[in-house]
Amino acid sequence: MDDYRFPKGEKVREQWSGQVGRDGFFLLDVVYAPTAPGWLREIEAVQVLRVSWVQQYHRDERGVRWREGNAPHVITQVATTDAVVADTEMTKPVHQTLAERELLPDVHVVDAGYTTAALFLAATEQGMELLGPAPHDSSPQSRQNQDFSRSDFTIDWETDSAVCPAGHRSFERWEQKHHRNGTP
């Protein structure tokens, strides 16, 4: 977050950052409690939150304080485009610019606007992990809640097959090209 988005005034800003820190620690305390299911700690977003909170906040007998000035800075690449340019069209150019500057991250954390199956693969080929939600299924089946949608099938990457909702495994695989852009 940039300074211009913070509440104005030192006292209000200090209260706000303290509340954010306490909220994050509360969530982490619940997730890491001995009674919490172990799988919660394995969620990547929880691990990112834990690392971020260690870097951004300090907690001791005096309470929670923001590590202002001592926290690591995040390097980002910014590209400004016309509004009609889809975010997914900018992922590769951002990666190219970062690679040219030798700043390509091991893990690039993005939101859903910057992910497609092809971009996940392209990032892997560059030796990087693109970390973000998979694209939303916008097929007519998922919108109308009839028939089967992609989310009803399980992909078994190790055997290169899919499993249908009835539990039947596919016996053949073939590659198709996207009807608009020719992407496999």
N, C-alpha and C. Protein backbone atom coordinates (compact mmCIF):
# COMPACT_ATOMS: atom_id res chain seq x y z
N MET A 1 0.83 -1.17 0.00
CA MET A 1 0.00 0.00 0.00
C MET A 1 0.88 1.24 0.00
N ASP A 2 0.54 2.22 -0.78
CA ASP A 2 1.28 3.47 -0.80
C ASP A 2 0.79 4.40 0.29
N ASP A 3 1.63 5.36 0.68
CA ASP A 3 1.28 6.29 1.75
C ASP A 3 -0.02 7.03 1.48
N TYR A 4 -0.30 7.35 0.21
CA TYR A 4 -1.50 8.16 -0.06
C TYR A 4 -2.78 7.41 0.25
N ARG A 5 -2.73 6.10 0.43
CA ARG A 5 -3.94 5.34 0.76
C ARG A 5 -4.11 5.16 2.27
N PHE A 6 -3.11 5.50 3.03
CA PHE A 6 -3.21 5.36 4.48
C PHE A 6 -4.09 6.46 5.05
N PRO A 7 -4.67 6.21 6.22
CA PRO A 7 -5.42 7.28 6.89
C PRO A 7 -4.48 8.46 7.16
N LYS A 8 -5.05 9.65 7.17
CA LYS A 8 -4.25 10.87 7.39
C LYS A 8 -4.06 11.11 8.88
N GLY A 9 -2.93 11.61 9.24
CA GLY A 9 -2.64 11.89 10.63
C GLY A 9 -1.87 10.76 11.27
N GLU A 10 -0.80 11.12 11.99
CA GLU A 10 0.09 10.12 12.59
C GLU A 10 -0.63 9.21 13.57
N LYS A 11 -1.45 9.78 14.44
CA LYS A 11 -2.15 8.98 15.46
C LYS A 11 -3.15 8.01 14.81
N VAL A 12 -3.95 8.50 13.87
CA VAL A 12 -4.94 7.65 13.20
C VAL A 12 -4.23 6.56 12.40
N ARG A 13 -3.15 6.91 11.76
CA ARG A 13 -2.37 5.94 10.96
C ARG A 13 -1.79 4.85 11.86
N GLU A 14 -1.30 5.25 13.04
CA GLU A 14 -0.75 4.28 14.00
C GLU A 14 -1.84 3.34 14.51
N GLN A 15 -3.02 3.87 14.80
CA GLN A 15 -4.13 3.03 15.25
C GLN A 15 -4.56 2.06 14.16
N TRP A 16 -4.66 2.57 12.94
CA TRP A 16 -5.09 1.73 11.81
C TRP A 16 -4.10 0.59 11.57
N SER A 17 -2.80 0.91 11.53
CA SER A 17 -1.81 -0.13 11.27
C SER A 17 -1.77 -1.15 12.41
N GLY A 18 -2.00 -0.69 13.63
CA GLY A 18 -2.05 -1.61 14.77
C GLY A 18 -3.23 -2.57 14.66
N GLN A 19 -4.38 -2.05 14.24
CA GLN A 19 -5.56 -2.91 14.08
C GLN A 19 -5.34 -3.93 12.96
N VAL A 20 -4.76 -3.52 11.86
CA VAL A 20 -4.46 -4.45 10.77
C VAL A 20 -3.51 -5.54 11.26
N GLY A 21 -2.48 -5.14 12.00
CA GLY A 21 -1.53 -6.11 12.55
C GLY A 21 -2.18 -7.09 13.51
N ARG A 22 -3.02 -6.59 14.40
CA ARG A 22 -3.72 -7.47 15.35
C ARG A 22 -4.65 -8.43 14.62
N ASP A 23 -5.34 -7.94 13.61
CA ASP A 23 -6.24 -8.81 12.83
C ASP A 23 -5.47 -9.95 12.17
N GLY A 24 -4.34 -9.62 11.56
CA GLY A 24 -3.52 -10.65 10.92
C GLY A 24 -2.99 -11.66 11.91
N PHE A 25 -2.49 -11.19 13.07
CA PHE A 25 -2.00 -12.11 14.09
C PHE A 25 -3.12 -12.97 14.65
N PHE A 26 -4.33 -12.40 14.80
CA PHE A 26 -5.46 -13.19 15.27
C PHE A 26 -5.72 -14.35 14.32
N LEU A 27 -5.78 -14.05 13.03
CA LEU A 27 -6.02 -15.10 12.04
C LEU A 27 -4.92 -16.16 12.09
N LEU A 28 -3.67 -15.74 12.17
CA LEU A 28 -2.56 -16.69 12.23
C LEU A 28 -2.61 -17.52 13.51
N ASP A 29 -2.96 -16.89 14.63
CA ASP A 29 -3.07 -17.64 15.89
C ASP A 29 -4.12 -18.74 15.79
N VAL A 30 -5.25 -18.44 15.15
CA VAL A 30 -6.31 -19.43 14.99
C VAL A 30 -5.85 -20.56 14.08
N VAL A 31 -5.22 -20.22 12.97
CA VAL A 31 -4.77 -21.23 12.00
C VAL A 31 -3.67 -22.12 12.59
N TYR A 32 -2.77 -21.54 13.38
CA TYR A 32 -1.65 -22.30 13.94
C TYR A 32 -1.93 -22.85 15.34
N ALA A 33 -3.17 -22.72 15.82
CA ALA A 33 -3.52 -23.29 17.12
C ALA A 33 -3.42 -24.81 17.05
N PRO A 34 -3.05 -25.46 18.16
CA PRO A 34 -2.92 -26.92 18.16
C PRO A 34 -4.21 -27.64 17.77
N THR A 35 -5.35 -27.00 18.00
CA THR A 35 -6.63 -27.64 17.69
C THR A 35 -7.08 -27.42 16.24
N ALA A 36 -6.37 -26.57 15.51
CA ALA A 36 -6.75 -26.28 14.12
C ALA A 36 -6.30 -27.42 13.20
N PRO A 37 -7.06 -27.69 12.15
CA PRO A 37 -6.65 -28.74 11.21
C PRO A 37 -5.30 -28.38 10.57
N GLY A 38 -4.42 -29.35 10.45
CA GLY A 38 -3.08 -29.11 9.91
C GLY A 38 -3.08 -28.60 8.49
N TRP A 39 -4.08 -28.97 7.69
CA TRP A 39 -4.10 -28.56 6.28
C TRP A 39 -4.25 -27.05 6.13
N LEU A 40 -4.80 -26.37 7.16
CA LEU A 40 -4.92 -24.91 7.06
C LEU A 40 -3.56 -24.24 6.92
N ARG A 41 -2.56 -24.78 7.63
CA ARG A 41 -1.22 -24.20 7.59
C ARG A 41 -0.53 -24.44 6.25
N GLU A 42 -1.05 -25.38 5.47
CA GLU A 42 -0.44 -25.68 4.18
C GLU A 42 -0.99 -24.82 3.05
N ILE A 43 -2.03 -24.06 3.30
CA ILE A 43 -2.59 -23.17 2.28
C ILE A 43 -1.55 -22.09 1.96
N GLU A 44 -1.25 -21.95 0.69
CA GLU A 44 -0.20 -21.01 0.29
C GLU A 44 -0.48 -19.58 0.75
N ALA A 45 -1.73 -19.14 0.69
CA ALA A 45 -2.07 -17.79 1.13
C ALA A 45 -1.78 -17.60 2.62
N VAL A 46 -1.99 -18.64 3.41
CA VAL A 46 -1.70 -18.57 4.84
C VAL A 46 -0.18 -18.45 5.05
N GLN A 47 0.58 -19.19 4.28
CA GLN A 47 2.04 -19.12 4.40
C GLN A 47 2.55 -17.74 3.99
N VAL A 48 1.96 -17.17 2.94
CA VAL A 48 2.34 -15.82 2.51
C VAL A 48 1.99 -14.82 3.61
N LEU A 49 0.80 -14.95 4.20
CA LEU A 49 0.40 -14.06 5.29
C LEU A 49 1.39 -14.15 6.45
N ARG A 50 1.77 -15.37 6.83
CA ARG A 50 2.70 -15.55 7.95
C ARG A 50 4.02 -14.86 7.69
N VAL A 51 4.59 -15.07 6.52
CA VAL A 51 5.87 -14.44 6.17
C VAL A 51 5.73 -12.92 6.13
N SER A 52 4.64 -12.44 5.52
CA SER A 52 4.41 -11.00 5.43
C SER A 52 4.29 -10.37 6.81
N TRP A 53 3.58 -11.05 7.72
CA TRP A 53 3.38 -10.48 9.05
C TRP A 53 4.68 -10.46 9.84
N VAL A 54 5.52 -11.46 9.68
CA VAL A 54 6.83 -11.46 10.34
C VAL A 54 7.66 -10.29 9.82
N GLN A 55 7.54 -10.02 8.52
CA GLN A 55 8.32 -8.94 7.92
C GLN A 55 7.74 -7.56 8.23
N GLN A 56 6.43 -7.46 8.37
CA GLN A 56 5.79 -6.15 8.48
C GLN A 56 5.43 -5.72 9.90
N TYR A 57 5.29 -6.69 10.83
CA TYR A 57 4.83 -6.37 12.17
C TYR A 57 5.72 -6.99 13.24
N HIS A 58 5.73 -6.33 14.39
CA HIS A 58 6.46 -6.83 15.56
C HIS A 58 5.43 -6.99 16.68
N ARG A 59 5.49 -8.12 17.39
CA ARG A 59 4.55 -8.37 18.48
C ARG A 59 5.34 -8.77 19.71
N ASP A 60 5.08 -8.07 20.80
CA ASP A 60 5.72 -8.40 22.08
C ASP A 60 4.77 -8.02 23.21
N GLU A 61 5.29 -7.93 24.45
CA GLU A 61 4.44 -7.62 25.60
C GLU A 61 3.79 -6.24 25.51
N ARG A 62 4.33 -5.36 24.68
CA ARG A 62 3.75 -4.02 24.50
C ARG A 62 2.65 -4.02 23.45
N GLY A 63 2.47 -5.12 22.72
CA GLY A 63 1.42 -5.19 21.72
C GLY A 63 1.98 -5.41 20.32
N VAL A 64 1.22 -4.97 19.34
CA VAL A 64 1.58 -5.14 17.93
C VAL A 64 1.98 -3.78 17.37
N ARG A 65 3.14 -3.75 16.72
CA ARG A 65 3.62 -2.52 16.10
C ARG A 65 4.08 -2.82 14.68
N TRP A 66 3.85 -1.86 13.85
CA TRP A 66 4.27 -1.93 12.47
C TRP A 66 5.78 -1.69 12.38
N ARG A 67 6.48 -2.49 11.59
CA ARG A 67 7.93 -2.32 11.43
C ARG A 67 8.20 -1.25 10.38
N GLU A 68 7.69 -0.08 10.59
CA GLU A 68 7.84 0.99 9.61
C GLU A 68 9.32 1.32 9.41
N GLY A 69 9.71 1.40 8.15
CA GLY A 69 11.08 1.75 7.81
C GLY A 69 12.01 0.55 7.78
N ASN A 70 11.67 -0.54 8.47
CA ASN A 70 12.54 -1.70 8.51
C ASN A 70 12.04 -2.85 7.65
N ALA A 71 10.85 -2.68 7.07
CA ALA A 71 10.25 -3.78 6.30
C ALA A 71 10.85 -3.82 4.91
N PRO A 72 10.91 -5.05 4.33
CA PRO A 72 11.43 -5.16 2.96
C PRO A 72 10.48 -4.48 1.98
N HIS A 73 11.04 -3.97 0.92
CA HIS A 73 10.24 -3.34 -0.12
C HIS A 73 9.99 -4.35 -1.22
N VAL A 74 8.83 -4.25 -1.82
CA VAL A 74 8.46 -5.15 -2.90
C VAL A 74 8.74 -4.46 -4.22
N ILE A 75 9.46 -5.13 -5.08
CA ILE A 75 9.76 -4.57 -6.40
C ILE A 75 8.63 -4.99 -7.34
N THR A 76 8.07 -4.01 -8.02
CA THR A 76 7.01 -4.31 -8.98
C THR A 76 7.35 -3.67 -10.31
N GLN A 77 6.75 -4.17 -11.33
CA GLN A 77 6.87 -3.59 -12.65
C GLN A 77 5.51 -2.99 -12.98
N VAL A 78 5.47 -1.75 -13.36
CA VAL A 78 4.21 -1.09 -13.67
C VAL A 78 4.16 -0.80 -15.15
N ALA A 79 3.04 -1.13 -15.76
CA ALA A 79 2.82 -0.83 -17.17
C ALA A 79 1.45 -0.18 -17.31
N THR A 80 1.41 0.99 -17.90
CA THR A 80 0.16 1.70 -18.08
C THR A 80 -0.32 1.48 -19.51
N THR A 81 -1.57 1.10 -19.66
CA THR A 81 -2.13 0.81 -20.98
C THR A 81 -3.50 1.47 -21.12
N ASP A 82 -4.03 1.40 -22.34
CA ASP A 82 -5.41 1.82 -22.56
C ASP A 82 -6.32 0.88 -21.79
N ALA A 83 -7.49 1.36 -21.44
CA ALA A 83 -8.43 0.55 -20.66
C ALA A 83 -8.90 -0.69 -21.41
N VAL A 84 -8.84 -0.68 -22.73
CA VAL A 84 -9.33 -1.83 -23.50
C VAL A 84 -8.34 -2.99 -23.53
N VAL A 85 -7.12 -2.79 -23.04
CA VAL A 85 -6.11 -3.85 -23.03
C VAL A 85 -6.37 -4.76 -21.83
N ALA A 86 -6.57 -6.04 -22.10
CA ALA A 86 -6.82 -7.01 -21.03
C ALA A 86 -5.57 -7.19 -20.18
N ASP A 87 -5.76 -7.39 -18.88
CA ASP A 87 -4.63 -7.61 -17.98
C ASP A 87 -3.78 -8.79 -18.43
N THR A 88 -4.43 -9.85 -18.93
CA THR A 88 -3.68 -11.03 -19.35
C THR A 88 -2.72 -10.73 -20.48
N GLU A 89 -2.99 -9.69 -21.25
CA GLU A 89 -2.09 -9.31 -22.33
C GLU A 89 -0.82 -8.64 -21.81
N MET A 90 -0.81 -8.25 -20.56
CA MET A 90 0.32 -7.53 -19.99
C MET A 90 1.26 -8.40 -19.17
N THR A 91 0.85 -9.63 -18.86
CA THR A 91 1.69 -10.49 -18.03
C THR A 91 3.03 -10.76 -18.69
N LYS A 92 3.02 -11.19 -19.95
CA LYS A 92 4.28 -11.48 -20.65
C LYS A 92 5.17 -10.24 -20.79
N PRO A 93 4.63 -9.08 -21.22
CA PRO A 93 5.49 -7.89 -21.30
C PRO A 93 6.11 -7.50 -19.96
N VAL A 94 5.35 -7.67 -18.88
CA VAL A 94 5.92 -7.37 -17.55
C VAL A 94 7.06 -8.33 -17.26
N HIS A 95 6.86 -9.62 -17.55
CA HIS A 95 7.93 -10.60 -17.33
C HIS A 95 9.14 -10.29 -18.20
N GLN A 96 8.93 -9.88 -19.43
CA GLN A 96 10.05 -9.56 -20.33
C GLN A 96 10.85 -8.38 -19.79
N THR A 97 10.15 -7.35 -19.33
CA THR A 97 10.85 -6.18 -18.78
C THR A 97 11.64 -6.56 -17.52
N LEU A 98 11.03 -7.34 -16.65
CA LEU A 98 11.74 -7.77 -15.44
C LEU A 98 12.95 -8.63 -15.79
N ALA A 99 12.81 -9.51 -16.78
CA ALA A 99 13.93 -10.36 -17.20
C ALA A 99 15.07 -9.51 -17.76
N GLU A 100 14.73 -8.50 -18.57
CA GLU A 100 15.75 -7.62 -19.14
C GLU A 100 16.52 -6.88 -18.04
N ARG A 101 15.84 -6.56 -16.95
CA ARG A 101 16.47 -5.87 -15.83
C ARG A 101 17.06 -6.83 -14.81
N GLU A 102 17.01 -8.15 -15.13
CA GLU A 102 17.49 -9.20 -14.24
C GLU A 102 16.80 -9.15 -12.88
N LEU A 103 15.49 -8.89 -12.91
CA LEU A 103 14.69 -8.81 -11.69
C LEU A 103 13.53 -9.80 -11.70
N LEU A 104 13.61 -10.80 -12.56
CA LEU A 104 12.54 -11.79 -12.64
C LEU A 104 12.43 -12.53 -11.32
N PRO A 105 11.26 -12.53 -10.68
CA PRO A 105 11.13 -13.19 -9.38
C PRO A 105 11.04 -14.70 -9.51
N ASP A 106 11.32 -15.40 -8.42
CA ASP A 106 11.09 -16.85 -8.38
C ASP A 106 9.60 -17.13 -8.39
N VAL A 107 8.85 -16.28 -7.66
CA VAL A 107 7.40 -16.41 -7.60
C VAL A 107 6.81 -15.04 -7.90
N HIS A 108 5.95 -14.97 -8.90
CA HIS A 108 5.26 -13.73 -9.24
C HIS A 108 3.82 -13.85 -8.79
N VAL A 109 3.46 -13.08 -7.76
CA VAL A 109 2.12 -13.13 -7.19
C VAL A 109 1.23 -12.13 -7.93
N VAL A 110 0.14 -12.64 -8.50
CA VAL A 110 -0.77 -11.80 -9.30
C VAL A 110 -2.22 -12.09 -8.92
N ASP A 111 -3.12 -11.22 -9.37
CA ASP A 111 -4.54 -11.51 -9.16
C ASP A 111 -5.09 -12.23 -10.38
N ALA A 112 -6.37 -12.55 -10.34
CA ALA A 112 -6.98 -13.38 -11.38
C ALA A 112 -6.93 -12.75 -12.76
N GLY A 113 -6.78 -11.45 -12.84
CA GLY A 113 -6.73 -10.79 -14.14
C GLY A 113 -5.49 -11.11 -14.95
N TYR A 114 -4.47 -11.65 -14.31
CA TYR A 114 -3.19 -11.86 -14.98
C TYR A 114 -2.86 -13.34 -15.18
N THR A 115 -3.86 -14.21 -15.11
CA THR A 115 -3.58 -15.64 -15.24
C THR A 115 -4.40 -16.27 -16.37
N THR A 116 -3.73 -17.12 -17.10
CA THR A 116 -4.36 -18.04 -18.05
C THR A 116 -3.52 -19.31 -17.99
N ALA A 117 -4.04 -20.38 -18.53
CA ALA A 117 -3.26 -21.62 -18.56
C ALA A 117 -1.95 -21.40 -19.30
N ALA A 118 -2.00 -20.68 -20.41
CA ALA A 118 -0.79 -20.43 -21.21
C ALA A 118 0.22 -19.60 -20.42
N LEU A 119 -0.25 -18.64 -19.61
CA LEU A 119 0.67 -17.82 -18.82
C LEU A 119 1.30 -18.61 -17.69
N PHE A 120 0.54 -19.54 -17.09
CA PHE A 120 1.14 -20.41 -16.07
C PHE A 120 2.28 -21.22 -16.69
N LEU A 121 2.05 -21.77 -17.88
CA LEU A 121 3.08 -22.56 -18.56
C LEU A 121 4.27 -21.70 -18.96
N ALA A 122 4.01 -20.52 -19.52
CA ALA A 122 5.09 -19.64 -19.95
C ALA A 122 5.98 -19.25 -18.77
N ALA A 123 5.37 -18.97 -17.62
CA ALA A 123 6.16 -18.61 -16.43
C ALA A 123 7.02 -19.78 -16.00
N THR A 124 6.47 -20.98 -16.01
CA THR A 124 7.23 -22.17 -15.65
C THR A 124 8.43 -22.35 -16.58
N GLU A 125 8.22 -22.12 -17.87
CA GLU A 125 9.31 -22.25 -18.85
C GLU A 125 10.40 -21.23 -18.59
N GLN A 126 10.07 -20.10 -17.97
CA GLN A 126 11.06 -19.08 -17.63
C GLN A 126 11.70 -19.35 -16.27
N GLY A 127 11.33 -20.46 -15.65
CA GLY A 127 11.91 -20.80 -14.35
C GLY A 127 11.27 -20.06 -13.20
N MET A 128 10.03 -19.66 -13.38
CA MET A 128 9.35 -18.86 -12.37
C MET A 128 7.98 -19.47 -12.12
N GLU A 129 7.46 -19.25 -10.92
CA GLU A 129 6.10 -19.68 -10.60
C GLU A 129 5.17 -18.48 -10.68
N LEU A 130 4.13 -18.58 -11.48
CA LEU A 130 3.08 -17.57 -11.52
C LEU A 130 2.06 -17.99 -10.49
N LEU A 131 1.90 -17.21 -9.44
CA LEU A 131 1.03 -17.58 -8.33
C LEU A 131 -0.19 -16.67 -8.34
N GLY A 132 -1.32 -17.26 -8.68
CA GLY A 132 -2.57 -16.51 -8.71
C GLY A 132 -3.70 -17.48 -8.95
N PRO A 133 -4.92 -17.01 -8.78
CA PRO A 133 -6.06 -17.91 -8.98
C PRO A 133 -6.21 -18.30 -10.44
N ALA A 134 -6.65 -19.53 -10.65
CA ALA A 134 -6.89 -19.98 -12.01
C ALA A 134 -8.05 -19.18 -12.59
N PRO A 135 -8.06 -19.03 -13.90
CA PRO A 135 -9.15 -18.27 -14.53
C PRO A 135 -10.52 -18.85 -14.18
N HIS A 136 -11.47 -17.98 -14.04
CA HIS A 136 -12.84 -18.37 -13.74
C HIS A 136 -13.45 -19.09 -14.93
N ASP A 137 -14.22 -20.10 -14.67
CA ASP A 137 -14.92 -20.84 -15.72
C ASP A 137 -16.14 -20.02 -16.14
N SER A 138 -16.10 -19.45 -17.32
CA SER A 138 -17.21 -18.62 -17.80
C SER A 138 -18.03 -19.33 -18.87
N SER A 139 -17.91 -20.64 -18.94
CA SER A 139 -18.65 -21.40 -19.93
C SER A 139 -20.15 -21.32 -19.67
N PRO A 140 -20.96 -21.52 -20.71
CA PRO A 140 -22.41 -21.51 -20.50
C PRO A 140 -22.86 -22.54 -19.46
N GLN A 141 -22.18 -23.69 -19.40
CA GLN A 141 -22.56 -24.72 -18.43
C GLN A 141 -22.40 -24.22 -17.01
N SER A 142 -21.31 -23.50 -16.72
CA SER A 142 -21.10 -23.04 -15.35
C SER A 142 -22.05 -21.90 -15.00
N ARG A 143 -22.38 -21.05 -15.97
CA ARG A 143 -23.29 -19.94 -15.71
C ARG A 143 -24.73 -20.40 -15.52
N GLN A 144 -25.14 -21.42 -16.25
CA GLN A 144 -26.52 -21.87 -16.21
C GLN A 144 -26.73 -23.00 -15.21
N ASN A 145 -25.64 -23.47 -14.63
CA ASN A 145 -25.68 -24.54 -13.63
C ASN A 145 -26.41 -25.78 -14.16
N GLN A 146 -26.09 -26.11 -15.40
CA GLN A 146 -26.64 -27.33 -15.98
C GLN A 146 -25.52 -28.05 -16.70
N ASP A 147 -25.71 -29.28 -17.00
CA ASP A 147 -24.67 -30.11 -17.61
C ASP A 147 -23.45 -30.13 -16.69
N PHE A 148 -22.29 -30.41 -17.25
CA PHE A 148 -21.05 -30.42 -16.47
C PHE A 148 -20.17 -29.26 -16.90
N SER A 149 -19.48 -28.66 -15.96
CA SER A 149 -18.50 -27.62 -16.28
C SER A 149 -17.11 -28.17 -15.97
N ARG A 150 -16.09 -27.40 -16.29
CA ARG A 150 -14.71 -27.84 -16.07
C ARG A 150 -14.45 -28.21 -14.62
N SER A 151 -15.06 -27.48 -13.71
CA SER A 151 -14.79 -27.72 -12.29
C SER A 151 -15.34 -29.07 -11.81
N ASP A 152 -16.19 -29.69 -12.60
CA ASP A 152 -16.74 -31.00 -12.22
C ASP A 152 -15.77 -32.15 -12.51
N PHE A 153 -14.69 -31.87 -13.23
CA PHE A 153 -13.73 -32.90 -13.62
C PHE A 153 -12.43 -32.72 -12.85
N THR A 154 -11.77 -33.83 -12.58
CA THR A 154 -10.47 -33.81 -11.90
C THR A 154 -9.41 -34.15 -12.93
N ILE A 155 -8.37 -33.32 -13.01
CA ILE A 155 -7.27 -33.59 -13.93
C ILE A 155 -6.17 -34.32 -13.18
N ASP A 156 -5.75 -35.45 -13.70
CA ASP A 156 -4.64 -36.22 -13.13
C ASP A 156 -3.45 -36.00 -14.06
N TRP A 157 -2.60 -35.03 -13.69
CA TRP A 157 -1.49 -34.63 -14.57
C TRP A 157 -0.45 -35.75 -14.70
N GLU A 158 -0.29 -36.55 -13.68
CA GLU A 158 0.72 -37.62 -13.73
C GLU A 158 0.37 -38.70 -14.74
N THR A 159 -0.91 -39.00 -14.90
CA THR A 159 -1.32 -40.02 -15.86
C THR A 159 -1.86 -39.40 -17.15
N ASP A 160 -1.84 -38.06 -17.22
CA ASP A 160 -2.29 -37.35 -18.41
C ASP A 160 -3.73 -37.73 -18.76
N SER A 161 -4.59 -37.71 -17.73
CA SER A 161 -5.98 -38.10 -17.95
C SER A 161 -6.90 -37.23 -17.09
N ALA A 162 -8.20 -37.35 -17.34
CA ALA A 162 -9.21 -36.64 -16.56
C ALA A 162 -10.18 -37.65 -15.98
N VAL A 163 -10.76 -37.30 -14.84
CA VAL A 163 -11.74 -38.17 -14.19
C VAL A 163 -13.06 -37.41 -14.14
N CYS A 164 -14.12 -38.04 -14.68
CA CYS A 164 -15.43 -37.39 -14.74
C CYS A 164 -16.13 -37.49 -13.38
N PRO A 165 -17.24 -36.77 -13.19
CA PRO A 165 -17.95 -36.82 -11.91
C PRO A 165 -18.40 -38.21 -11.49
N ALA A 166 -18.58 -39.13 -12.46
CA ALA A 166 -18.98 -40.49 -12.11
C ALA A 166 -17.78 -41.37 -11.76
N GLY A 167 -16.56 -40.81 -11.83
CA GLY A 167 -15.36 -41.55 -11.46
C GLY A 167 -14.67 -42.27 -12.61
N HIS A 168 -15.14 -42.09 -13.84
CA HIS A 168 -14.53 -42.75 -14.99
C HIS A 168 -13.33 -41.94 -15.49
N ARG A 169 -12.24 -42.65 -15.78
CA ARG A 169 -11.00 -42.01 -16.24
C ARG A 169 -11.00 -41.96 -17.77
N SER A 170 -10.53 -40.84 -18.31
CA SER A 170 -10.43 -40.72 -19.77
C SER A 170 -9.37 -41.70 -20.28
N PHE A 171 -9.52 -42.15 -21.49
CA PHE A 171 -8.57 -43.11 -22.06
C PHE A 171 -7.81 -42.52 -23.23
N GLU A 172 -8.11 -41.29 -23.58
CA GLU A 172 -7.45 -40.67 -24.72
C GLU A 172 -7.29 -39.18 -24.43
N ARG A 173 -6.21 -38.59 -24.93
CA ARG A 173 -5.97 -37.17 -24.76
C ARG A 173 -5.55 -36.60 -26.09
N TRP A 174 -6.05 -35.43 -26.41
CA TRP A 174 -5.58 -34.75 -27.60
C TRP A 174 -5.58 -33.25 -27.32
N GLU A 175 -4.76 -32.57 -28.06
CA GLU A 175 -4.60 -31.14 -27.85
C GLU A 175 -5.47 -30.38 -28.84
N GLN A 176 -6.15 -29.36 -28.34
CA GLN A 176 -6.94 -28.50 -29.20
C GLN A 176 -6.40 -27.10 -29.12
N LYS A 177 -6.65 -26.31 -30.13
CA LYS A 177 -6.23 -24.91 -30.15
C LYS A 177 -7.43 -24.05 -29.78
N HIS A 178 -7.16 -22.97 -29.03
CA HIS A 178 -8.19 -22.04 -28.66
C HIS A 178 -8.77 -21.44 -29.94
N HIS A 179 -10.09 -21.34 -30.01
CA HIS A 179 -10.74 -20.92 -31.25
C HIS A 179 -10.44 -19.48 -31.65
N ARG A 180 -10.01 -18.62 -30.70
CA ARG A 180 -9.72 -17.23 -31.07
C ARG A 180 -8.24 -16.96 -31.30
N ASN A 181 -7.40 -17.46 -30.40
CA ASN A 181 -5.99 -17.07 -30.50
C ASN A 181 -5.03 -18.21 -30.83
N GLY A 182 -5.56 -19.41 -31.04
CA GLY A 182 -4.70 -20.52 -31.45
C GLY A 182 -3.82 -21.10 -30.36
N THR A 183 -4.03 -20.68 -29.10
CA THR A 183 -3.23 -21.19 -27.99
C THR A 183 -3.60 -22.65 -27.73
N PRO A 184 -2.61 -23.52 -27.54
CA PRO A 184 -2.94 -24.92 -27.23
C PRO A 184 -3.65 -25.05 -25.90
